[in-house]
N, C-alpha and C. Protein backbone atom coordinates (compact mmCIF):
# COMPACT_ATOMS: atom_id res chain seq x y z
N UNK A 1 24.74 -91.72 2.18
CA UNK A 1 23.68 -92.59 1.68
C UNK A 1 24.33 -93.84 1.08
N UNK A 2 23.80 -94.98 1.44
CA UNK A 2 24.30 -96.25 0.92
C UNK A 2 23.52 -96.61 -0.34
N UNK A 3 24.23 -96.82 -1.44
CA UNK A 3 23.61 -97.19 -2.72
C UNK A 3 24.04 -98.60 -3.10
N UNK A 4 23.08 -99.39 -3.60
CA UNK A 4 23.40 -100.74 -4.06
C UNK A 4 22.44 -101.14 -5.16
N UNK A 5 22.79 -102.21 -5.84
CA UNK A 5 21.94 -102.78 -6.90
C UNK A 5 21.93 -104.28 -6.75
N UNK A 6 20.77 -104.89 -6.99
CA UNK A 6 20.63 -106.33 -6.87
C UNK A 6 19.50 -106.83 -7.75
N UNK A 7 19.60 -108.08 -8.13
CA UNK A 7 18.47 -108.74 -8.79
C UNK A 7 17.42 -109.01 -7.73
N UNK A 8 16.17 -108.94 -8.11
CA UNK A 8 15.16 -109.29 -7.13
C UNK A 8 13.76 -108.90 -7.55
N UNK A 9 12.86 -109.21 -6.66
CA UNK A 9 11.45 -108.89 -6.80
C UNK A 9 11.17 -107.71 -5.88
N UNK A 10 10.95 -106.56 -6.46
CA UNK A 10 10.79 -105.34 -5.66
C UNK A 10 9.60 -105.41 -4.71
N UNK A 11 8.65 -106.28 -4.99
CA UNK A 11 7.47 -106.38 -4.12
C UNK A 11 7.76 -107.10 -2.81
N UNK A 12 8.92 -107.76 -2.70
CA UNK A 12 9.25 -108.51 -1.49
C UNK A 12 10.39 -107.90 -0.70
N UNK A 13 10.91 -106.77 -1.13
CA UNK A 13 12.06 -106.15 -0.49
C UNK A 13 11.65 -105.51 0.84
N UNK A 14 12.48 -105.71 1.85
CA UNK A 14 12.22 -105.15 3.17
C UNK A 14 12.87 -103.77 3.28
N UNK A 15 12.14 -102.77 2.80
CA UNK A 15 12.55 -101.37 2.88
C UNK A 15 11.35 -100.56 3.35
N UNK A 16 11.59 -99.31 3.69
CA UNK A 16 10.47 -98.46 4.11
C UNK A 16 9.55 -98.12 2.95
N UNK A 17 10.15 -97.82 1.77
CA UNK A 17 9.34 -97.41 0.62
C UNK A 17 9.85 -98.08 -0.65
N UNK A 18 8.91 -98.53 -1.45
CA UNK A 18 9.17 -99.09 -2.77
C UNK A 18 8.67 -98.08 -3.79
N UNK A 19 9.48 -97.81 -4.81
CA UNK A 19 9.06 -96.90 -5.86
C UNK A 19 8.39 -97.72 -6.96
N UNK A 20 7.23 -97.25 -7.38
CA UNK A 20 6.46 -97.89 -8.44
C UNK A 20 6.63 -97.11 -9.74
N UNK A 21 7.04 -97.82 -10.77
CA UNK A 21 7.08 -97.23 -12.12
C UNK A 21 5.65 -97.26 -12.64
N UNK A 22 4.87 -96.30 -12.21
CA UNK A 22 3.42 -96.27 -12.45
C UNK A 22 3.08 -95.67 -13.80
N UNK A 23 1.85 -95.89 -14.21
CA UNK A 23 1.34 -95.11 -15.32
C UNK A 23 0.57 -93.94 -14.73
N UNK A 24 0.21 -92.98 -15.54
CA UNK A 24 -0.36 -91.74 -15.01
C UNK A 24 -1.71 -91.93 -14.33
N UNK A 25 -2.43 -93.01 -14.64
CA UNK A 25 -3.73 -93.22 -14.01
C UNK A 25 -3.62 -93.63 -12.55
N UNK A 26 -2.47 -94.18 -12.17
CA UNK A 26 -2.24 -94.75 -10.83
C UNK A 26 -3.13 -95.96 -10.54
N UNK A 27 -3.75 -96.51 -11.55
CA UNK A 27 -4.72 -97.58 -11.33
C UNK A 27 -4.20 -98.95 -11.72
N UNK A 28 -2.89 -99.09 -11.78
CA UNK A 28 -2.30 -100.38 -12.12
C UNK A 28 -2.02 -100.49 -13.60
N UNK A 29 -1.23 -101.48 -13.95
CA UNK A 29 -0.86 -101.68 -15.34
C UNK A 29 -0.03 -102.94 -15.46
N UNK A 30 0.94 -102.90 -16.35
CA UNK A 30 1.81 -104.05 -16.54
C UNK A 30 3.14 -103.86 -15.86
N UNK A 31 4.05 -104.79 -16.06
CA UNK A 31 5.41 -104.70 -15.53
C UNK A 31 5.45 -104.50 -14.03
N UNK A 32 6.34 -103.63 -13.59
CA UNK A 32 6.51 -103.35 -12.16
C UNK A 32 5.19 -102.86 -11.55
N UNK A 33 4.49 -102.00 -12.27
CA UNK A 33 3.23 -101.43 -11.78
C UNK A 33 2.22 -102.55 -11.47
N UNK A 34 2.06 -103.46 -12.41
CA UNK A 34 1.13 -104.57 -12.21
C UNK A 34 1.55 -105.47 -11.07
N UNK A 35 2.85 -105.74 -10.97
CA UNK A 35 3.36 -106.60 -9.90
C UNK A 35 3.13 -105.97 -8.53
N UNK A 36 3.37 -104.67 -8.42
CA UNK A 36 3.16 -103.98 -7.14
C UNK A 36 1.69 -103.97 -6.77
N UNK A 37 0.83 -103.67 -7.72
CA UNK A 37 -0.61 -103.68 -7.41
C UNK A 37 -1.08 -105.08 -7.00
N UNK A 38 -0.58 -106.11 -7.68
CA UNK A 38 -0.98 -107.48 -7.35
C UNK A 38 -0.50 -107.86 -5.95
N UNK A 39 0.74 -107.52 -5.63
CA UNK A 39 1.30 -107.88 -4.32
C UNK A 39 0.68 -107.08 -3.18
N UNK A 40 0.35 -105.82 -3.44
CA UNK A 40 -0.20 -104.95 -2.40
C UNK A 40 -1.66 -105.27 -2.10
N UNK A 41 -2.37 -105.78 -3.08
CA UNK A 41 -3.78 -106.09 -2.88
C UNK A 41 -4.68 -104.92 -3.19
N UNK A 42 -5.98 -105.13 -3.03
CA UNK A 42 -6.97 -104.11 -3.42
C UNK A 42 -6.89 -102.81 -2.63
N UNK A 43 -6.27 -102.84 -1.46
CA UNK A 43 -6.12 -101.62 -0.67
C UNK A 43 -5.34 -100.56 -1.43
N UNK A 44 -4.34 -101.00 -2.19
CA UNK A 44 -3.53 -100.04 -2.94
C UNK A 44 -4.35 -99.35 -4.02
N UNK A 45 -5.13 -100.11 -4.74
CA UNK A 45 -5.97 -99.52 -5.78
C UNK A 45 -6.95 -98.51 -5.18
N UNK A 46 -7.54 -98.84 -4.06
CA UNK A 46 -8.47 -97.92 -3.41
C UNK A 46 -7.77 -96.63 -2.98
N UNK A 47 -6.57 -96.77 -2.43
CA UNK A 47 -5.84 -95.58 -2.01
C UNK A 47 -5.44 -94.72 -3.21
N UNK A 48 -5.04 -95.38 -4.30
CA UNK A 48 -4.70 -94.64 -5.52
C UNK A 48 -5.91 -93.89 -6.07
N UNK A 49 -7.06 -94.50 -5.99
CA UNK A 49 -8.29 -93.80 -6.43
C UNK A 49 -8.54 -92.56 -5.57
N UNK A 50 -8.30 -92.67 -4.27
CA UNK A 50 -8.48 -91.50 -3.39
C UNK A 50 -7.48 -90.39 -3.75
N UNK A 51 -6.25 -90.77 -4.04
CA UNK A 51 -5.23 -89.79 -4.43
C UNK A 51 -5.66 -89.07 -5.71
N UNK A 52 -6.15 -89.85 -6.68
CA UNK A 52 -6.61 -89.25 -7.93
C UNK A 52 -7.76 -88.28 -7.67
N UNK A 53 -8.71 -88.68 -6.86
CA UNK A 53 -9.88 -87.84 -6.59
C UNK A 53 -9.49 -86.57 -5.84
N UNK A 54 -8.52 -86.66 -4.95
CA UNK A 54 -8.15 -85.53 -4.12
C UNK A 54 -7.25 -84.52 -4.81
N UNK A 55 -6.32 -85.00 -5.65
CA UNK A 55 -5.34 -84.06 -6.18
C UNK A 55 -5.05 -84.22 -7.66
N UNK A 56 -4.86 -85.41 -8.12
CA UNK A 56 -4.39 -85.65 -9.49
C UNK A 56 -5.54 -86.13 -10.37
N UNK A 57 -6.53 -85.28 -10.55
CA UNK A 57 -7.75 -85.63 -11.30
C UNK A 57 -7.45 -86.10 -12.72
N UNK A 58 -6.46 -85.50 -13.37
CA UNK A 58 -6.11 -85.85 -14.75
C UNK A 58 -4.97 -86.85 -14.82
N UNK A 59 -4.58 -87.40 -13.69
CA UNK A 59 -3.49 -88.37 -13.64
C UNK A 59 -2.20 -87.71 -13.16
N UNK A 60 -1.29 -88.54 -12.71
CA UNK A 60 -0.01 -88.07 -12.22
C UNK A 60 0.88 -87.69 -13.41
N UNK A 61 1.43 -86.49 -13.44
CA UNK A 61 2.28 -86.07 -14.55
C UNK A 61 3.61 -86.83 -14.59
N UNK A 62 4.19 -86.93 -15.75
CA UNK A 62 5.51 -87.54 -15.92
C UNK A 62 6.51 -86.79 -15.04
N UNK A 63 7.31 -87.55 -14.29
CA UNK A 63 8.34 -86.97 -13.45
C UNK A 63 7.89 -86.58 -12.06
N UNK A 64 6.60 -86.63 -11.80
CA UNK A 64 6.06 -86.30 -10.47
C UNK A 64 6.01 -87.58 -9.64
N UNK A 65 5.83 -87.46 -8.32
CA UNK A 65 5.75 -88.61 -7.44
C UNK A 65 4.75 -88.35 -6.32
N UNK A 66 4.12 -89.42 -5.85
CA UNK A 66 3.17 -89.34 -4.75
C UNK A 66 3.22 -90.66 -3.98
N UNK A 67 3.01 -90.57 -2.67
CA UNK A 67 3.09 -91.76 -1.82
C UNK A 67 1.71 -92.25 -1.40
N UNK A 68 1.63 -93.57 -1.26
CA UNK A 68 0.46 -94.24 -0.68
C UNK A 68 0.98 -95.29 0.29
N UNK A 69 0.08 -95.94 1.00
CA UNK A 69 0.45 -97.10 1.78
C UNK A 69 0.84 -98.23 0.83
N UNK A 70 1.40 -99.29 1.38
CA UNK A 70 1.89 -100.41 0.56
C UNK A 70 1.01 -101.65 0.66
N UNK A 71 -0.14 -101.52 1.29
CA UNK A 71 -1.04 -102.67 1.36
C UNK A 71 -0.37 -103.87 2.01
N UNK A 72 -0.39 -104.99 1.32
CA UNK A 72 0.11 -106.26 1.87
C UNK A 72 1.60 -106.51 1.65
N UNK A 73 2.31 -105.56 1.08
CA UNK A 73 3.75 -105.73 0.85
C UNK A 73 4.52 -105.46 2.15
N UNK A 74 5.77 -105.94 2.24
CA UNK A 74 6.57 -105.68 3.44
C UNK A 74 6.91 -104.20 3.64
N UNK A 75 7.01 -103.45 2.57
CA UNK A 75 7.30 -102.01 2.67
C UNK A 75 6.13 -101.30 3.35
N UNK A 76 6.41 -100.15 3.91
CA UNK A 76 5.36 -99.34 4.54
C UNK A 76 4.63 -98.47 3.52
N UNK A 77 5.39 -97.98 2.53
CA UNK A 77 4.83 -97.07 1.53
C UNK A 77 5.19 -97.51 0.11
N UNK A 78 4.36 -97.06 -0.83
CA UNK A 78 4.69 -97.12 -2.25
C UNK A 78 4.75 -95.68 -2.73
N UNK A 79 5.85 -95.34 -3.39
CA UNK A 79 5.98 -94.02 -3.99
C UNK A 79 5.80 -94.22 -5.49
N UNK A 80 4.73 -93.67 -6.01
CA UNK A 80 4.39 -93.82 -7.42
C UNK A 80 5.01 -92.69 -8.22
N UNK A 81 5.68 -93.02 -9.31
CA UNK A 81 6.21 -92.01 -10.21
C UNK A 81 5.98 -92.47 -11.64
N UNK A 82 5.74 -91.52 -12.51
CA UNK A 82 5.47 -91.83 -13.92
C UNK A 82 6.70 -91.48 -14.73
N UNK A 83 7.31 -92.51 -15.31
CA UNK A 83 8.49 -92.31 -16.13
C UNK A 83 8.13 -91.83 -17.52
N UNK A 84 9.10 -91.20 -18.18
CA UNK A 84 8.87 -90.76 -19.56
C UNK A 84 8.82 -91.96 -20.51
N UNK A 85 7.96 -91.86 -21.50
CA UNK A 85 7.77 -92.93 -22.48
C UNK A 85 8.44 -92.51 -23.80
N UNK A 86 9.55 -93.15 -24.15
CA UNK A 86 10.26 -92.83 -25.39
C UNK A 86 9.38 -93.00 -26.61
N UNK A 87 8.50 -93.98 -26.58
CA UNK A 87 7.63 -94.25 -27.72
C UNK A 87 6.64 -93.10 -27.97
N UNK A 88 6.44 -92.27 -26.97
CA UNK A 88 5.56 -91.09 -27.11
C UNK A 88 6.37 -89.81 -27.28
N UNK A 89 7.66 -89.96 -27.56
CA UNK A 89 8.50 -88.80 -27.79
C UNK A 89 9.05 -88.15 -26.54
N UNK A 90 8.89 -88.78 -25.39
CA UNK A 90 9.38 -88.23 -24.12
C UNK A 90 10.83 -88.70 -23.93
N UNK A 91 11.75 -87.97 -24.54
CA UNK A 91 13.15 -88.39 -24.58
C UNK A 91 14.09 -87.51 -23.75
N UNK A 92 13.56 -86.58 -23.01
CA UNK A 92 14.38 -85.68 -22.21
C UNK A 92 14.87 -86.39 -20.94
N UNK A 93 16.18 -86.56 -20.77
CA UNK A 93 16.70 -87.22 -19.57
C UNK A 93 16.31 -86.50 -18.28
N UNK A 94 16.01 -85.20 -18.35
CA UNK A 94 15.59 -84.47 -17.15
C UNK A 94 14.25 -84.99 -16.62
N UNK A 95 13.38 -85.44 -17.53
CA UNK A 95 12.11 -86.04 -17.08
C UNK A 95 12.38 -87.32 -16.31
N UNK A 96 13.31 -88.12 -16.81
CA UNK A 96 13.67 -89.36 -16.12
C UNK A 96 14.32 -89.05 -14.77
N UNK A 97 15.23 -88.10 -14.75
CA UNK A 97 15.89 -87.72 -13.50
C UNK A 97 14.87 -87.23 -12.48
N UNK A 98 13.85 -86.52 -12.94
CA UNK A 98 12.82 -86.02 -12.04
C UNK A 98 12.10 -87.16 -11.31
N UNK A 99 11.92 -88.28 -11.97
CA UNK A 99 11.28 -89.44 -11.33
C UNK A 99 12.06 -89.87 -10.09
N UNK A 100 13.37 -89.97 -10.24
CA UNK A 100 14.21 -90.39 -9.13
C UNK A 100 14.32 -89.29 -8.07
N UNK A 101 14.52 -88.07 -8.50
CA UNK A 101 14.64 -86.95 -7.56
C UNK A 101 13.37 -86.70 -6.77
N UNK A 102 12.24 -86.62 -7.46
CA UNK A 102 10.96 -86.37 -6.77
C UNK A 102 10.61 -87.53 -5.84
N UNK A 103 10.92 -88.76 -6.26
CA UNK A 103 10.64 -89.91 -5.40
C UNK A 103 11.43 -89.81 -4.10
N UNK A 104 12.68 -89.38 -4.18
CA UNK A 104 13.49 -89.21 -2.97
C UNK A 104 12.95 -88.07 -2.10
N UNK A 105 12.49 -87.00 -2.72
CA UNK A 105 11.90 -85.90 -1.94
C UNK A 105 10.65 -86.38 -1.20
N UNK A 106 9.81 -87.16 -1.89
CA UNK A 106 8.61 -87.70 -1.25
C UNK A 106 9.01 -88.66 -0.13
N UNK A 107 10.03 -89.48 -0.36
CA UNK A 107 10.51 -90.39 0.68
C UNK A 107 10.94 -89.61 1.93
N UNK A 108 11.65 -88.52 1.72
CA UNK A 108 12.08 -87.66 2.83
C UNK A 108 10.85 -87.11 3.57
N UNK A 109 9.85 -86.65 2.81
CA UNK A 109 8.64 -86.06 3.41
C UNK A 109 7.90 -87.06 4.28
N UNK A 110 7.84 -88.32 3.88
CA UNK A 110 7.07 -89.32 4.63
C UNK A 110 7.90 -90.00 5.71
N UNK A 111 9.20 -89.73 5.75
CA UNK A 111 10.06 -90.31 6.77
C UNK A 111 10.68 -91.65 6.42
N UNK A 112 10.72 -91.99 5.15
CA UNK A 112 11.33 -93.25 4.73
C UNK A 112 12.85 -93.14 4.81
N UNK A 113 13.47 -94.10 5.45
CA UNK A 113 14.93 -94.13 5.57
C UNK A 113 15.55 -95.03 4.50
N UNK A 114 14.78 -95.99 4.01
CA UNK A 114 15.29 -96.90 2.97
C UNK A 114 14.28 -96.96 1.82
N UNK A 115 14.82 -96.93 0.58
CA UNK A 115 13.98 -96.86 -0.61
C UNK A 115 14.51 -97.85 -1.65
N UNK A 116 13.59 -98.55 -2.30
CA UNK A 116 13.94 -99.45 -3.40
C UNK A 116 13.37 -98.90 -4.70
N UNK A 117 14.21 -98.79 -5.71
CA UNK A 117 13.82 -98.31 -7.03
C UNK A 117 13.91 -99.43 -8.06
N UNK A 118 12.97 -99.46 -9.01
CA UNK A 118 13.15 -100.28 -10.20
C UNK A 118 13.89 -99.46 -11.26
N UNK A 119 14.11 -100.04 -12.41
CA UNK A 119 14.72 -99.32 -13.54
C UNK A 119 13.60 -98.59 -14.28
N UNK A 120 13.21 -97.44 -13.76
CA UNK A 120 12.08 -96.68 -14.29
C UNK A 120 12.28 -96.39 -15.78
N UNK A 121 11.29 -96.69 -16.57
CA UNK A 121 11.22 -96.43 -18.01
C UNK A 121 12.09 -97.36 -18.86
N UNK A 122 12.81 -98.31 -18.23
CA UNK A 122 13.67 -99.21 -19.01
C UNK A 122 12.90 -100.37 -19.63
N UNK A 123 11.66 -100.54 -19.29
CA UNK A 123 10.87 -101.64 -19.84
C UNK A 123 10.10 -101.21 -21.06
N UNK A 124 8.81 -101.32 -20.99
CA UNK A 124 7.96 -101.04 -22.15
C UNK A 124 7.99 -99.57 -22.56
N UNK A 125 8.54 -98.69 -21.71
CA UNK A 125 8.62 -97.27 -22.08
C UNK A 125 9.82 -96.97 -22.97
N UNK A 126 10.63 -97.99 -23.28
CA UNK A 126 11.60 -97.90 -24.34
C UNK A 126 12.94 -97.25 -24.07
N UNK A 127 13.26 -96.92 -22.83
CA UNK A 127 14.55 -96.30 -22.54
C UNK A 127 15.63 -97.36 -22.45
N UNK A 128 16.83 -97.02 -22.92
CA UNK A 128 17.97 -97.91 -22.84
C UNK A 128 18.34 -98.11 -21.36
N UNK A 129 18.49 -99.36 -20.91
CA UNK A 129 18.80 -99.60 -19.50
C UNK A 129 20.09 -98.93 -19.04
N UNK A 130 21.08 -98.82 -19.93
CA UNK A 130 22.32 -98.14 -19.56
C UNK A 130 22.09 -96.67 -19.28
N UNK A 131 21.28 -96.03 -20.10
CA UNK A 131 20.97 -94.61 -19.87
C UNK A 131 20.16 -94.43 -18.59
N UNK A 132 19.20 -95.32 -18.36
CA UNK A 132 18.41 -95.26 -17.12
C UNK A 132 19.34 -95.39 -15.91
N UNK A 133 20.26 -96.35 -15.96
CA UNK A 133 21.18 -96.56 -14.83
C UNK A 133 22.02 -95.31 -14.58
N UNK A 134 22.57 -94.73 -15.63
CA UNK A 134 23.40 -93.53 -15.47
C UNK A 134 22.61 -92.38 -14.87
N UNK A 135 21.42 -92.13 -15.41
CA UNK A 135 20.58 -91.04 -14.91
C UNK A 135 20.17 -91.31 -13.46
N UNK A 136 19.75 -92.54 -13.17
CA UNK A 136 19.28 -92.90 -11.83
C UNK A 136 20.38 -92.70 -10.79
N UNK A 137 21.55 -93.27 -11.04
CA UNK A 137 22.63 -93.21 -10.07
C UNK A 137 23.11 -91.77 -9.90
N UNK A 138 23.28 -91.04 -10.98
CA UNK A 138 23.72 -89.64 -10.89
C UNK A 138 22.71 -88.80 -10.12
N UNK A 139 21.43 -89.00 -10.39
CA UNK A 139 20.39 -88.22 -9.71
C UNK A 139 20.35 -88.52 -8.23
N UNK A 140 20.42 -89.79 -7.87
CA UNK A 140 20.38 -90.17 -6.45
C UNK A 140 21.61 -89.61 -5.73
N UNK A 141 22.77 -89.73 -6.33
CA UNK A 141 23.98 -89.19 -5.70
C UNK A 141 23.89 -87.68 -5.52
N UNK A 142 23.37 -87.00 -6.53
CA UNK A 142 23.24 -85.54 -6.48
C UNK A 142 22.23 -85.12 -5.40
N UNK A 143 21.18 -85.91 -5.21
CA UNK A 143 20.11 -85.57 -4.27
C UNK A 143 20.43 -85.94 -2.83
N UNK A 144 21.49 -86.69 -2.61
CA UNK A 144 21.76 -87.24 -1.27
C UNK A 144 21.77 -86.19 -0.17
N UNK A 145 22.41 -85.05 -0.40
CA UNK A 145 22.48 -84.02 0.63
C UNK A 145 21.12 -83.38 0.92
N UNK A 146 20.26 -83.34 -0.09
CA UNK A 146 18.95 -82.70 0.07
C UNK A 146 17.94 -83.60 0.79
N UNK A 147 18.26 -84.89 0.90
CA UNK A 147 17.34 -85.84 1.55
C UNK A 147 18.11 -86.63 2.62
N UNK A 148 18.59 -85.95 3.66
CA UNK A 148 19.45 -86.61 4.65
C UNK A 148 18.76 -87.74 5.41
N UNK A 149 17.45 -87.74 5.46
CA UNK A 149 16.74 -88.81 6.15
C UNK A 149 16.76 -90.13 5.40
N UNK A 150 16.94 -90.07 4.10
CA UNK A 150 17.01 -91.29 3.29
C UNK A 150 18.44 -91.79 3.36
N UNK A 151 18.63 -92.93 4.00
CA UNK A 151 19.98 -93.42 4.25
C UNK A 151 20.38 -94.58 3.35
N UNK A 152 19.41 -95.22 2.73
CA UNK A 152 19.71 -96.36 1.86
C UNK A 152 18.84 -96.32 0.62
N UNK A 153 19.47 -96.51 -0.53
CA UNK A 153 18.75 -96.66 -1.79
C UNK A 153 19.23 -97.94 -2.44
N UNK A 154 18.26 -98.81 -2.75
CA UNK A 154 18.55 -100.05 -3.46
C UNK A 154 17.87 -100.01 -4.81
N UNK A 155 18.63 -100.33 -5.84
CA UNK A 155 18.04 -100.52 -7.16
C UNK A 155 17.76 -102.01 -7.28
N UNK A 156 16.48 -102.37 -7.28
CA UNK A 156 16.08 -103.78 -7.34
C UNK A 156 15.62 -104.05 -8.76
N UNK A 157 16.37 -104.91 -9.45
CA UNK A 157 16.27 -105.02 -10.90
C UNK A 157 15.80 -106.41 -11.32
N UNK A 158 15.22 -106.45 -12.51
CA UNK A 158 14.52 -107.65 -12.97
C UNK A 158 15.32 -108.55 -13.89
N UNK A 159 16.52 -108.18 -14.28
CA UNK A 159 17.30 -109.01 -15.18
C UNK A 159 18.79 -108.75 -15.05
N UNK A 160 19.59 -109.78 -15.35
CA UNK A 160 21.05 -109.66 -15.25
C UNK A 160 21.60 -108.50 -16.08
N UNK A 161 21.05 -108.32 -17.30
CA UNK A 161 21.57 -107.27 -18.17
C UNK A 161 21.34 -105.88 -17.56
N UNK A 162 20.18 -105.68 -16.97
CA UNK A 162 19.88 -104.39 -16.34
C UNK A 162 20.76 -104.21 -15.10
N UNK A 163 20.92 -105.28 -14.33
CA UNK A 163 21.78 -105.22 -13.15
C UNK A 163 23.20 -104.80 -13.54
N UNK A 164 23.73 -105.37 -14.62
CA UNK A 164 25.09 -105.02 -15.07
C UNK A 164 25.22 -103.52 -15.36
N UNK A 165 24.20 -102.94 -15.97
CA UNK A 165 24.23 -101.50 -16.26
C UNK A 165 24.28 -100.69 -14.96
N UNK A 166 23.49 -101.09 -13.98
CA UNK A 166 23.47 -100.37 -12.71
C UNK A 166 24.78 -100.56 -11.94
N UNK A 167 25.33 -101.76 -12.00
CA UNK A 167 26.60 -101.99 -11.32
C UNK A 167 27.70 -101.12 -11.93
N UNK A 168 27.70 -100.98 -13.26
CA UNK A 168 28.68 -100.10 -13.91
C UNK A 168 28.48 -98.65 -13.49
N UNK A 169 27.23 -98.21 -13.45
CA UNK A 169 26.94 -96.83 -13.06
C UNK A 169 27.34 -96.55 -11.61
N UNK A 170 27.21 -97.56 -10.76
CA UNK A 170 27.57 -97.39 -9.35
C UNK A 170 29.08 -97.43 -9.12
N UNK A 171 29.81 -98.08 -10.03
CA UNK A 171 31.27 -98.26 -9.84
C UNK A 171 32.04 -96.95 -10.02
């Protein structure tokens, strides 16, 4: 599996699947979630509503992942995952690792060969970007054999400081 990190706008990346740092409602929000919903258009919101109605009536649990179409974005799919919120006492690194691991499992299930991840929980959810980078890279490397169909993972990051943490974790 090829791993890389770059600055960029995750909504414009040419990959099979983009991972959304979603909130549990799946109905949009701020940060990466808001940007993905805005770029994908109203089709994404409608599909998320169908997912909620069909399976996740009470919202998507922290660490779980589910795929939808990507609407108007270049990617084919959006894989939504809910990161742990440090401000709510969700400080277990295993919850964070689950976001990356489950997203890769879902990517494998839908046939995605390339996946772009943001720095899940490093924004308003209060996690240190260095810890997110370490957990993300370790989890993806550990999961590589279990998801042989996923051949490329890109960490698409929103700031130089976050990028530096991911570059260190990848080195």
